[in-house]
Amino acid sequence: MNSILQDMYGHLAWADAEQWRAISNHEVARGDTTIHQRLHHIHLVQRGFMWIIGDRSSEFVFSKPEDFNFDKLKQFAVETHALIHSSISNLTEARLQERIHVPWFPDPPLTISVTEALTQCAMHSQWHRGQNATRLRELGGEPTNLDLIFWIWKNRPVPDWH
C-alpha cells in the first residue's frame, strides 16, 4: 500500500484510540448521547468501508448506538480497528486502483477506486473526531490534539487502547 494511505491509517488508529482515551477520562462525556451516537457512527462507517472493499460474501451488519453501552462500544471500536488492519494489510497497488460500487449511493450509482474508498473512510473519521473534540470541550473536557502533523511530530506512535 502506498505511504500516504499507510500514514492515513496509522494516524486513524492512533487518533481513534486517543479520542477514546480523552472521552473515557471525562465522566460527563462518557454518558453523553451525542458523543455515543457519533462514536458508533464512526466505527460503523469504518466497518462499512472495509465491507465495500472486501469480498462482500456476507450481508453488511448494521448495528445501532443503543445496542452498546460505553464499554461495549469501545470494544466495538477496538474490533473495528482489528478488521481495518486485516482488510488493508495486504492490499496491492493493483487492488487499490480497482473500481468498486458503493451501494449506499443508488441513484445515480457511485463507482470509485479502492484508494478513494479508503481515503473517504479516513477523512470521514477525521471529520467526526473533530466534532467529538468540540463536544468534549463543550462538556468541560480537554480534547487531545489529533492532527496528522502532531502524530508525525510524535514519531508516528501506535494506538494504545488502554
N, C-alpha and C. Protein backbone atom coordinates (compact mmCIF):
# COMPACT_ATOMS: atom_id res chain seq x y z
N MET A 1 0.85 -1.17 0.00
CA MET A 1 0.00 0.00 0.00
C MET A 1 0.90 1.24 0.00
N ASN A 2 0.44 2.29 -0.66
CA ASN A 2 1.29 3.47 -0.76
C ASN A 2 1.47 4.15 0.61
N SER A 3 2.53 4.95 0.72
CA SER A 3 2.91 5.51 2.01
C SER A 3 1.89 6.50 2.55
N ILE A 4 1.20 7.23 1.68
CA ILE A 4 0.18 8.17 2.15
C ILE A 4 -0.95 7.41 2.84
N LEU A 5 -1.46 6.35 2.20
CA LEU A 5 -2.53 5.57 2.83
C LEU A 5 -2.04 4.88 4.10
N GLN A 6 -0.80 4.40 4.09
CA GLN A 6 -0.26 3.79 5.32
C GLN A 6 -0.27 4.80 6.46
N ASP A 7 0.19 6.01 6.17
CA ASP A 7 0.18 7.04 7.20
C ASP A 7 -1.24 7.41 7.61
N MET A 8 -2.14 7.51 6.66
CA MET A 8 -3.53 7.86 6.99
C MET A 8 -4.12 6.84 7.96
N TYR A 9 -3.83 5.56 7.73
CA TYR A 9 -4.41 4.53 8.58
C TYR A 9 -3.64 4.32 9.87
N GLY A 10 -2.33 4.60 9.87
CA GLY A 10 -1.60 4.63 11.14
C GLY A 10 -2.14 5.74 12.03
N HIS A 11 -2.35 6.90 11.42
CA HIS A 11 -2.90 8.03 12.15
C HIS A 11 -4.33 7.75 12.60
N LEU A 12 -5.14 7.18 11.71
CA LEU A 12 -6.53 6.86 12.04
C LEU A 12 -6.62 6.02 13.31
N ALA A 13 -5.82 4.97 13.38
CA ALA A 13 -5.86 4.08 14.54
C ALA A 13 -5.42 4.81 15.80
N TRP A 14 -4.32 5.56 15.70
CA TRP A 14 -3.83 6.30 16.86
C TRP A 14 -4.84 7.36 17.31
N ALA A 15 -5.36 8.13 16.36
CA ALA A 15 -6.28 9.22 16.69
C ALA A 15 -7.57 8.68 17.30
N ASP A 16 -8.08 7.58 16.77
CA ASP A 16 -9.28 6.99 17.37
C ASP A 16 -9.02 6.55 18.80
N ALA A 17 -7.88 5.90 19.04
CA ALA A 17 -7.56 5.44 20.39
C ALA A 17 -7.38 6.62 21.34
N GLU A 18 -6.72 7.69 20.88
CA GLU A 18 -6.52 8.87 21.73
C GLU A 18 -7.85 9.55 22.04
N GLN A 19 -8.73 9.61 21.04
CA GLN A 19 -10.04 10.19 21.27
C GLN A 19 -10.80 9.39 22.33
N TRP A 20 -10.76 8.08 22.19
CA TRP A 20 -11.43 7.23 23.17
C TRP A 20 -10.87 7.45 24.57
N ARG A 21 -9.54 7.63 24.67
CA ARG A 21 -8.93 7.85 25.98
C ARG A 21 -9.44 9.16 26.58
N ALA A 22 -9.48 10.23 25.79
CA ALA A 22 -9.93 11.53 26.29
C ALA A 22 -11.39 11.46 26.74
N ILE A 23 -12.22 10.80 25.97
CA ILE A 23 -13.64 10.69 26.32
C ILE A 23 -13.81 9.79 27.53
N SER A 24 -13.07 8.70 27.57
CA SER A 24 -13.16 7.76 28.71
C SER A 24 -12.79 8.43 30.02
N ASN A 25 -11.89 9.39 29.98
CA ASN A 25 -11.42 10.06 31.19
C ASN A 25 -12.32 11.20 31.65
N HIS A 26 -13.41 11.43 30.94
CA HIS A 26 -14.32 12.51 31.32
C HIS A 26 -15.72 11.91 31.52
N GLU A 27 -16.14 11.83 32.77
CA GLU A 27 -17.38 11.13 33.13
C GLU A 27 -18.60 11.66 32.38
N VAL A 28 -18.71 12.96 32.25
CA VAL A 28 -19.87 13.53 31.55
C VAL A 28 -19.86 13.10 30.08
N ALA A 29 -18.70 13.14 29.46
CA ALA A 29 -18.60 12.74 28.05
C ALA A 29 -18.92 11.26 27.86
N ARG A 30 -18.51 10.45 28.82
CA ARG A 30 -18.81 9.00 28.75
C ARG A 30 -20.31 8.74 28.64
N GLY A 31 -21.10 9.59 29.27
CA GLY A 31 -22.54 9.39 29.27
C GLY A 31 -23.29 10.26 28.27
N ASP A 32 -22.56 11.01 27.45
CA ASP A 32 -23.20 11.93 26.52
C ASP A 32 -23.76 11.18 25.31
N THR A 33 -25.05 11.36 25.05
CA THR A 33 -25.71 10.67 23.95
C THR A 33 -25.14 11.07 22.60
N THR A 34 -24.85 12.35 22.40
CA THR A 34 -24.32 12.82 21.12
C THR A 34 -22.97 12.17 20.82
N ILE A 35 -22.09 12.14 21.79
CA ILE A 35 -20.78 11.51 21.59
C ILE A 35 -20.95 10.02 21.35
N HIS A 36 -21.80 9.39 22.13
CA HIS A 36 -22.03 7.95 21.99
C HIS A 36 -22.51 7.62 20.57
N GLN A 37 -23.49 8.37 20.10
CA GLN A 37 -24.01 8.12 18.75
C GLN A 37 -22.95 8.35 17.69
N ARG A 38 -22.15 9.40 17.86
CA ARG A 38 -21.12 9.71 16.87
C ARG A 38 -20.00 8.67 16.89
N LEU A 39 -19.60 8.22 18.07
CA LEU A 39 -18.58 7.17 18.14
C LEU A 39 -19.07 5.91 17.41
N HIS A 40 -20.31 5.55 17.66
CA HIS A 40 -20.87 4.39 16.97
C HIS A 40 -20.84 4.62 15.46
N HIS A 41 -21.26 5.79 15.04
CA HIS A 41 -21.30 6.11 13.61
C HIS A 41 -19.90 6.01 12.98
N ILE A 42 -18.90 6.56 13.64
CA ILE A 42 -17.52 6.50 13.12
C ILE A 42 -17.14 5.05 12.84
N HIS A 43 -17.31 4.20 13.81
CA HIS A 43 -16.83 2.82 13.68
C HIS A 43 -17.73 1.97 12.78
N LEU A 44 -19.01 2.27 12.75
CA LEU A 44 -19.90 1.57 11.81
C LEU A 44 -19.52 1.91 10.37
N VAL A 45 -19.26 3.17 10.10
CA VAL A 45 -18.86 3.57 8.75
C VAL A 45 -17.50 2.97 8.39
N GLN A 46 -16.58 2.94 9.33
CA GLN A 46 -15.30 2.28 9.07
C GLN A 46 -15.52 0.81 8.67
N ARG A 47 -16.38 0.14 9.40
CA ARG A 47 -16.70 -1.25 9.05
C ARG A 47 -17.36 -1.33 7.67
N GLY A 48 -18.22 -0.37 7.38
CA GLY A 48 -18.88 -0.35 6.08
C GLY A 48 -17.88 -0.22 4.95
N PHE A 49 -16.90 0.63 5.11
CA PHE A 49 -15.90 0.77 4.05
C PHE A 49 -15.02 -0.47 3.94
N MET A 50 -14.73 -1.14 5.04
CA MET A 50 -13.97 -2.38 4.95
C MET A 50 -14.80 -3.45 4.23
N TRP A 51 -16.12 -3.40 4.43
CA TRP A 51 -17.01 -4.34 3.74
C TRP A 51 -17.02 -4.04 2.24
N ILE A 52 -17.12 -2.76 1.86
CA ILE A 52 -17.22 -2.48 0.42
C ILE A 52 -15.91 -2.73 -0.32
N ILE A 53 -14.77 -2.68 0.39
CA ILE A 53 -13.51 -3.02 -0.31
C ILE A 53 -13.22 -4.52 -0.23
N GLY A 54 -14.01 -5.24 0.54
CA GLY A 54 -13.81 -6.67 0.72
C GLY A 54 -14.57 -7.49 -0.31
N ASP A 55 -14.74 -8.77 -0.01
CA ASP A 55 -15.37 -9.68 -0.97
C ASP A 55 -16.90 -9.63 -0.94
N ARG A 56 -17.47 -8.98 0.07
CA ARG A 56 -18.93 -8.83 0.21
C ARG A 56 -19.66 -10.17 0.18
N SER A 57 -19.01 -11.19 0.71
CA SER A 57 -19.61 -12.53 0.68
C SER A 57 -20.77 -12.67 1.67
N SER A 58 -20.87 -11.75 2.60
CA SER A 58 -21.99 -11.77 3.53
C SER A 58 -22.62 -10.38 3.54
N GLU A 59 -23.83 -10.32 4.09
CA GLU A 59 -24.53 -9.04 4.20
C GLU A 59 -23.80 -8.15 5.20
N PHE A 60 -23.82 -6.85 4.96
CA PHE A 60 -23.28 -5.92 5.94
C PHE A 60 -24.24 -5.85 7.12
N VAL A 61 -23.68 -5.87 8.32
CA VAL A 61 -24.48 -5.85 9.54
C VAL A 61 -24.56 -4.41 10.06
N PHE A 62 -25.76 -3.86 10.08
CA PHE A 62 -26.00 -2.53 10.63
C PHE A 62 -26.38 -2.68 12.10
N SER A 63 -25.58 -2.09 12.96
CA SER A 63 -25.93 -2.04 14.38
C SER A 63 -26.45 -0.65 14.69
N LYS A 64 -26.91 -0.47 15.92
CA LYS A 64 -27.44 0.82 16.35
C LYS A 64 -26.70 1.24 17.62
N PRO A 65 -26.58 2.55 17.85
CA PRO A 65 -25.88 3.00 19.05
C PRO A 65 -26.44 2.40 20.34
N GLU A 66 -27.76 2.23 20.36
CA GLU A 66 -28.38 1.71 21.59
C GLU A 66 -28.10 0.23 21.82
N ASP A 67 -27.46 -0.43 20.85
CA ASP A 67 -27.05 -1.82 21.03
C ASP A 67 -25.85 -1.94 21.98
N PHE A 68 -25.25 -0.80 22.34
CA PHE A 68 -23.98 -0.80 23.08
C PHE A 68 -24.03 0.13 24.29
N ASN A 69 -23.48 -0.34 25.40
CA ASN A 69 -23.14 0.59 26.47
C ASN A 69 -21.75 1.14 26.14
N PHE A 70 -21.23 2.02 26.95
CA PHE A 70 -19.96 2.67 26.62
C PHE A 70 -18.82 1.67 26.46
N ASP A 71 -18.69 0.73 27.39
CA ASP A 71 -17.59 -0.23 27.34
C ASP A 71 -17.72 -1.17 26.14
N LYS A 72 -18.92 -1.60 25.84
CA LYS A 72 -19.13 -2.47 24.68
C LYS A 72 -18.87 -1.71 23.37
N LEU A 73 -19.19 -0.43 23.36
CA LEU A 73 -18.90 0.38 22.17
C LEU A 73 -17.40 0.54 21.97
N LYS A 74 -16.66 0.69 23.07
CA LYS A 74 -15.20 0.75 22.94
C LYS A 74 -14.66 -0.56 22.39
N GLN A 75 -15.19 -1.67 22.84
CA GLN A 75 -14.77 -2.98 22.31
C GLN A 75 -15.09 -3.08 20.82
N PHE A 76 -16.24 -2.56 20.42
CA PHE A 76 -16.62 -2.50 19.01
C PHE A 76 -15.57 -1.70 18.22
N ALA A 77 -15.10 -0.61 18.81
CA ALA A 77 -14.08 0.22 18.16
C ALA A 77 -12.77 -0.56 18.02
N VAL A 78 -12.34 -1.22 19.08
CA VAL A 78 -11.10 -1.99 19.03
C VAL A 78 -11.21 -3.10 17.98
N GLU A 79 -12.34 -3.80 17.96
CA GLU A 79 -12.56 -4.86 16.97
C GLU A 79 -12.61 -4.28 15.55
N THR A 80 -13.15 -3.09 15.41
CA THR A 80 -13.18 -2.44 14.10
C THR A 80 -11.77 -2.19 13.61
N HIS A 81 -10.90 -1.74 14.49
CA HIS A 81 -9.52 -1.48 14.08
C HIS A 81 -8.76 -2.77 13.74
N ALA A 82 -9.09 -3.85 14.40
CA ALA A 82 -8.50 -5.15 14.01
C ALA A 82 -8.98 -5.52 12.60
N LEU A 83 -10.26 -5.28 12.33
CA LEU A 83 -10.81 -5.54 11.00
C LEU A 83 -10.14 -4.66 9.95
N ILE A 84 -9.96 -3.39 10.26
CA ILE A 84 -9.29 -2.47 9.33
C ILE A 84 -7.89 -3.00 9.02
N HIS A 85 -7.16 -3.35 10.06
CA HIS A 85 -5.79 -3.83 9.85
C HIS A 85 -5.76 -5.06 8.94
N SER A 86 -6.64 -6.02 9.22
CA SER A 86 -6.65 -7.23 8.38
C SER A 86 -7.14 -6.94 6.97
N SER A 87 -8.00 -5.94 6.82
CA SER A 87 -8.55 -5.61 5.49
C SER A 87 -7.55 -4.90 4.60
N ILE A 88 -6.67 -4.10 5.19
CA ILE A 88 -5.78 -3.28 4.35
C ILE A 88 -4.34 -3.75 4.33
N SER A 89 -3.98 -4.69 5.20
CA SER A 89 -2.55 -5.04 5.35
C SER A 89 -1.93 -5.65 4.10
N ASN A 90 -2.71 -6.29 3.27
CA ASN A 90 -2.12 -6.93 2.09
C ASN A 90 -2.65 -6.38 0.77
N LEU A 91 -3.15 -5.16 0.79
CA LEU A 91 -3.67 -4.59 -0.45
C LEU A 91 -2.53 -4.29 -1.42
N THR A 92 -2.71 -4.71 -2.64
CA THR A 92 -1.71 -4.45 -3.67
C THR A 92 -2.04 -3.15 -4.39
N GLU A 93 -1.08 -2.62 -5.11
CA GLU A 93 -1.32 -1.41 -5.88
C GLU A 93 -2.42 -1.65 -6.91
N ALA A 94 -2.42 -2.83 -7.49
CA ALA A 94 -3.47 -3.14 -8.48
C ALA A 94 -4.85 -3.12 -7.82
N ARG A 95 -4.97 -3.69 -6.63
CA ARG A 95 -6.26 -3.69 -5.94
C ARG A 95 -6.68 -2.27 -5.56
N LEU A 96 -5.73 -1.45 -5.16
CA LEU A 96 -6.04 -0.07 -4.79
C LEU A 96 -6.63 0.71 -5.96
N GLN A 97 -6.27 0.32 -7.17
CA GLN A 97 -6.77 1.02 -8.36
C GLN A 97 -8.09 0.46 -8.88
N GLU A 98 -8.49 -0.72 -8.40
CA GLU A 98 -9.74 -1.32 -8.87
C GLU A 98 -10.93 -0.45 -8.51
N ARG A 99 -11.93 -0.49 -9.35
CA ARG A 99 -13.16 0.28 -9.15
C ARG A 99 -14.18 -0.60 -8.43
N ILE A 100 -14.89 -0.01 -7.49
CA ILE A 100 -15.90 -0.73 -6.72
C ILE A 100 -17.18 0.11 -6.67
N HIS A 101 -18.28 -0.58 -6.56
CA HIS A 101 -19.58 0.08 -6.45
C HIS A 101 -19.88 0.34 -4.97
N VAL A 102 -20.34 1.56 -4.68
CA VAL A 102 -20.72 1.92 -3.31
C VAL A 102 -22.25 1.81 -3.22
N PRO A 103 -22.75 0.80 -2.53
CA PRO A 103 -24.20 0.53 -2.56
C PRO A 103 -25.07 1.59 -1.89
N TRP A 104 -24.48 2.46 -1.08
CA TRP A 104 -25.27 3.46 -0.37
C TRP A 104 -25.58 4.68 -1.23
N PHE A 105 -25.13 4.67 -2.47
CA PHE A 105 -25.43 5.75 -3.42
C PHE A 105 -26.08 5.13 -4.65
N PRO A 106 -27.40 4.85 -4.58
CA PRO A 106 -28.05 4.11 -5.67
C PRO A 106 -28.40 4.94 -6.91
N ASP A 107 -28.68 6.23 -6.75
CA ASP A 107 -29.18 6.98 -7.90
C ASP A 107 -28.66 8.41 -7.88
N PRO A 108 -27.67 8.72 -8.67
CA PRO A 108 -27.02 7.82 -9.62
C PRO A 108 -26.04 6.90 -8.90
N PRO A 109 -25.72 5.76 -9.49
CA PRO A 109 -24.78 4.83 -8.88
C PRO A 109 -23.39 5.47 -8.72
N LEU A 110 -22.70 5.06 -7.69
CA LEU A 110 -21.36 5.57 -7.43
C LEU A 110 -20.35 4.44 -7.54
N THR A 111 -19.37 4.63 -8.40
CA THR A 111 -18.25 3.70 -8.52
C THR A 111 -16.97 4.50 -8.30
N ILE A 112 -16.15 4.03 -7.37
CA ILE A 112 -14.89 4.70 -7.03
C ILE A 112 -13.79 3.66 -6.92
N SER A 113 -12.56 4.12 -6.84
CA SER A 113 -11.45 3.19 -6.64
C SER A 113 -11.36 2.78 -5.18
N VAL A 114 -10.68 1.70 -4.93
CA VAL A 114 -10.45 1.26 -3.55
C VAL A 114 -9.68 2.36 -2.81
N THR A 115 -8.73 2.99 -3.47
CA THR A 115 -7.98 4.10 -2.86
C THR A 115 -8.93 5.22 -2.45
N GLU A 116 -9.85 5.58 -3.32
CA GLU A 116 -10.81 6.64 -2.99
C GLU A 116 -11.71 6.23 -1.83
N ALA A 117 -12.10 4.97 -1.78
CA ALA A 117 -12.93 4.49 -0.67
C ALA A 117 -12.16 4.59 0.65
N LEU A 118 -10.91 4.17 0.64
CA LEU A 118 -10.10 4.23 1.86
C LEU A 118 -9.83 5.67 2.28
N THR A 119 -9.63 6.54 1.30
CA THR A 119 -9.43 7.95 1.62
C THR A 119 -10.68 8.53 2.25
N GLN A 120 -11.84 8.24 1.68
CA GLN A 120 -13.09 8.73 2.24
C GLN A 120 -13.29 8.23 3.67
N CYS A 121 -13.00 6.99 3.90
CA CYS A 121 -13.17 6.42 5.24
C CYS A 121 -12.32 7.19 6.26
N ALA A 122 -11.07 7.42 5.93
CA ALA A 122 -10.17 8.13 6.84
C ALA A 122 -10.62 9.58 7.05
N MET A 123 -11.01 10.24 5.97
CA MET A 123 -11.43 11.64 6.07
C MET A 123 -12.75 11.76 6.84
N HIS A 124 -13.65 10.84 6.63
CA HIS A 124 -14.92 10.82 7.35
C HIS A 124 -14.67 10.68 8.85
N SER A 125 -13.78 9.79 9.22
CA SER A 125 -13.46 9.60 10.64
C SER A 125 -12.87 10.88 11.22
N GLN A 126 -11.99 11.53 10.48
CA GLN A 126 -11.36 12.77 10.96
C GLN A 126 -12.43 13.84 11.21
N TRP A 127 -13.36 13.96 10.29
CA TRP A 127 -14.43 14.94 10.43
C TRP A 127 -15.19 14.75 11.75
N HIS A 128 -15.57 13.51 12.01
CA HIS A 128 -16.36 13.25 13.21
C HIS A 128 -15.52 13.30 14.49
N ARG A 129 -14.23 12.97 14.42
CA ARG A 129 -13.39 13.16 15.61
C ARG A 129 -13.34 14.64 15.97
N GLY A 130 -13.29 15.51 14.97
CA GLY A 130 -13.31 16.95 15.24
C GLY A 130 -14.60 17.38 15.92
N GLN A 131 -15.71 16.83 15.47
CA GLN A 131 -16.99 17.13 16.13
C GLN A 131 -16.98 16.66 17.57
N ASN A 132 -16.42 15.48 17.81
CA ASN A 132 -16.36 14.96 19.18
C ASN A 132 -15.44 15.81 20.05
N ALA A 133 -14.36 16.32 19.47
CA ALA A 133 -13.46 17.18 20.24
C ALA A 133 -14.19 18.45 20.67
N THR A 134 -14.96 19.02 19.76
CA THR A 134 -15.75 20.22 20.09
C THR A 134 -16.75 19.90 21.19
N ARG A 135 -17.43 18.79 21.06
CA ARG A 135 -18.43 18.40 22.06
C ARG A 135 -17.77 18.14 23.41
N LEU A 136 -16.63 17.48 23.41
CA LEU A 136 -15.91 17.21 24.66
C LEU A 136 -15.55 18.52 25.35
N ARG A 137 -15.09 19.50 24.60
CA ARG A 137 -14.76 20.81 25.18
C ARG A 137 -16.02 21.48 25.73
N GLU A 138 -17.14 21.38 25.01
CA GLU A 138 -18.41 21.95 25.49
C GLU A 138 -18.83 21.33 26.82
N LEU A 139 -18.48 20.07 27.02
CA LEU A 139 -18.85 19.36 28.25
C LEU A 139 -17.85 19.58 29.37
N GLY A 140 -16.82 20.40 29.11
CA GLY A 140 -15.83 20.71 30.13
C GLY A 140 -14.59 19.85 30.08
N GLY A 141 -14.47 19.01 29.07
CA GLY A 141 -13.30 18.15 28.93
C GLY A 141 -12.20 18.82 28.12
N GLU A 142 -11.08 18.15 28.03
CA GLU A 142 -9.94 18.66 27.30
C GLU A 142 -9.58 17.69 26.17
N PRO A 143 -9.97 18.02 24.94
CA PRO A 143 -9.64 17.12 23.82
C PRO A 143 -8.14 17.09 23.55
N THR A 144 -7.71 15.98 23.04
CA THR A 144 -6.32 15.77 22.66
C THR A 144 -6.09 16.32 21.26
N ASN A 145 -4.90 16.83 20.99
CA ASN A 145 -4.56 17.26 19.64
C ASN A 145 -4.38 16.02 18.78
N LEU A 146 -5.27 15.84 17.81
CA LEU A 146 -5.26 14.63 16.98
C LEU A 146 -4.86 14.91 15.53
N ASP A 147 -4.28 16.08 15.27
CA ASP A 147 -3.86 16.40 13.91
C ASP A 147 -2.81 15.42 13.40
N LEU A 148 -2.87 15.15 12.13
CA LEU A 148 -1.89 14.27 11.48
C LEU A 148 -0.48 14.76 11.74
N ILE A 149 -0.25 16.07 11.61
CA ILE A 149 1.09 16.62 11.80
C ILE A 149 1.59 16.38 13.21
N PHE A 150 0.69 16.39 14.18
CA PHE A 150 1.06 16.12 15.57
C PHE A 150 1.49 14.66 15.72
N TRP A 151 0.76 13.76 15.07
CA TRP A 151 1.12 12.33 15.09
C TRP A 151 2.50 12.13 14.46
N ILE A 152 2.76 12.80 13.34
CA ILE A 152 4.07 12.70 12.69
C ILE A 152 5.15 13.24 13.62
N TRP A 153 4.89 14.41 14.23
CA TRP A 153 5.84 15.04 15.14
C TRP A 153 6.18 14.13 16.32
N LYS A 154 5.19 13.35 16.76
CA LYS A 154 5.41 12.43 17.88
C LYS A 154 6.03 11.11 17.43
N ASN A 155 6.53 11.07 16.19
CA ASN A 155 7.18 9.88 15.63
C ASN A 155 6.22 8.73 15.38
N ARG A 156 5.02 9.07 14.92
CA ARG A 156 4.03 8.09 14.48
C ARG A 156 3.74 7.01 15.54
N PRO A 157 3.28 7.43 16.71
CA PRO A 157 3.02 6.43 17.76
C PRO A 157 1.92 5.45 17.35
N VAL A 158 2.01 4.25 17.87
CA VAL A 158 0.98 3.24 17.62
C VAL A 158 -0.18 3.50 18.60
N PRO A 159 -1.38 3.03 18.25
CA PRO A 159 -2.51 3.26 19.14
C PRO A 159 -2.36 2.49 20.45
N ASP A 160 -2.82 3.11 21.51
CA ASP A 160 -2.86 2.47 22.83
C ASP A 160 -4.32 2.54 23.29
N TRP A 161 -4.98 1.41 23.26
CA TRP A 161 -6.41 1.35 23.59
C TRP A 161 -6.66 1.19 25.09
N HIS A 162 -5.62 1.21 25.92
CA HIS A 162 -5.84 1.02 27.37
C HIS A 162 -5.96 2.33 28.09
